[in-house]
């Protein structure tokens, strides 16, 4: 893993990969936005799974997120 050195700070690891859905939904800021919008991580997962299934039926399948 690469590192980034910030001015006056210790080395911080540099993550060049995209976050997983679990990581996104576990983020506190995302949680605040979901609550504000009346959603939960479970509701978002169900909506994403339904859309993934709809796209698969139409021949436009997306890979399943971790």
Protein backbone atom coordinates (compact mmCIF):
# COMPACT_ATOMS: atom_id res chain seq x y z
CA UNK A 1 0.00 0.00 0.00
CA UNK A 2 1.25 3.49 -0.83
CA UNK A 3 1.55 6.25 1.73
CA UNK A 4 0.96 9.97 1.63
CA UNK A 5 2.93 12.34 3.81
CA UNK A 6 0.91 15.35 4.91
CA UNK A 7 2.66 18.51 5.98
CA UNK A 8 3.69 18.03 9.60
CA UNK A 9 1.79 14.74 9.92
CA UNK A 10 2.78 11.11 10.11
CA UNK A 11 2.47 8.90 7.05
CA UNK A 12 -1.15 8.07 6.18
CA UNK A 13 -1.98 5.00 4.09
CA UNK A 14 -3.33 5.79 0.63
CA UNK A 15 -6.24 3.58 -0.39
CA UNK A 16 -6.71 3.65 -4.17
CA UNK A 17 -9.61 1.17 -4.29
CA UNK A 18 -13.29 2.04 -4.18
CA UNK A 19 -15.08 1.48 -0.86
CA UNK A 20 -17.43 -1.48 -0.60
CA UNK A 21 -21.15 -0.97 -0.10
CA UNK A 22 -20.69 -2.11 3.51
CA UNK A 23 -18.06 0.59 4.06
CA UNK A 24 -20.23 3.27 2.46
CA UNK A 25 -23.32 2.35 4.48
CA UNK A 26 -21.24 2.19 7.70
CA UNK A 27 -19.94 5.74 7.21
CA UNK A 28 -21.39 8.04 9.90
CA UNK A 29 -22.05 10.88 7.44
CA UNK A 30 -23.91 8.53 5.10
CA UNK A 31 -25.91 7.33 8.11
CA UNK A 32 -26.92 10.91 8.90
CA UNK A 33 -28.04 11.52 5.33
CA UNK A 34 -29.99 8.24 5.25
CA UNK A 35 -31.77 9.11 8.52
CA UNK A 36 -32.55 12.60 7.24
CA UNK A 37 -34.13 11.04 4.16
CA UNK A 38 -36.06 8.45 6.18
CA UNK A 39 -33.97 5.51 4.97
CA UNK A 40 -31.93 2.77 6.60
CA UNK A 41 -29.00 0.78 5.24
CA UNK A 42 -31.33 -2.23 4.95
CA UNK A 43 -33.80 -0.31 2.80
CA UNK A 44 -30.98 0.87 0.53
CA UNK A 45 -29.73 -2.71 0.14
CA UNK A 46 -33.22 -3.95 -0.79
CA UNK A 47 -33.66 -1.16 -3.34
CA UNK A 48 -30.23 -1.88 -4.87
CA UNK A 49 -30.93 -5.63 -5.02
CA UNK A 50 -34.30 -5.03 -6.73
CA UNK A 51 -32.71 -2.71 -9.28
CA UNK A 52 -29.89 -5.22 -9.90
CA UNK A 53 -32.51 -7.92 -10.55
CA UNK A 54 -34.48 -5.63 -12.88
CA UNK A 55 -31.33 -4.83 -14.85
CA UNK A 56 -30.40 -8.52 -15.04
CA UNK A 57 -33.82 -9.34 -16.50
CA UNK A 58 -33.35 -6.60 -19.11
CA UNK A 59 -29.90 -7.91 -20.07
CA UNK A 60 -27.98 -5.09 -18.37
CA UNK A 61 -26.69 -6.99 -15.34
CA UNK A 62 -24.40 -5.27 -12.86
CA UNK A 63 -21.88 -7.08 -10.66
CA UNK A 64 -23.00 -7.72 -7.11
CA UNK A 65 -21.39 -5.38 -4.60
CA UNK A 66 -19.53 -6.81 -1.61
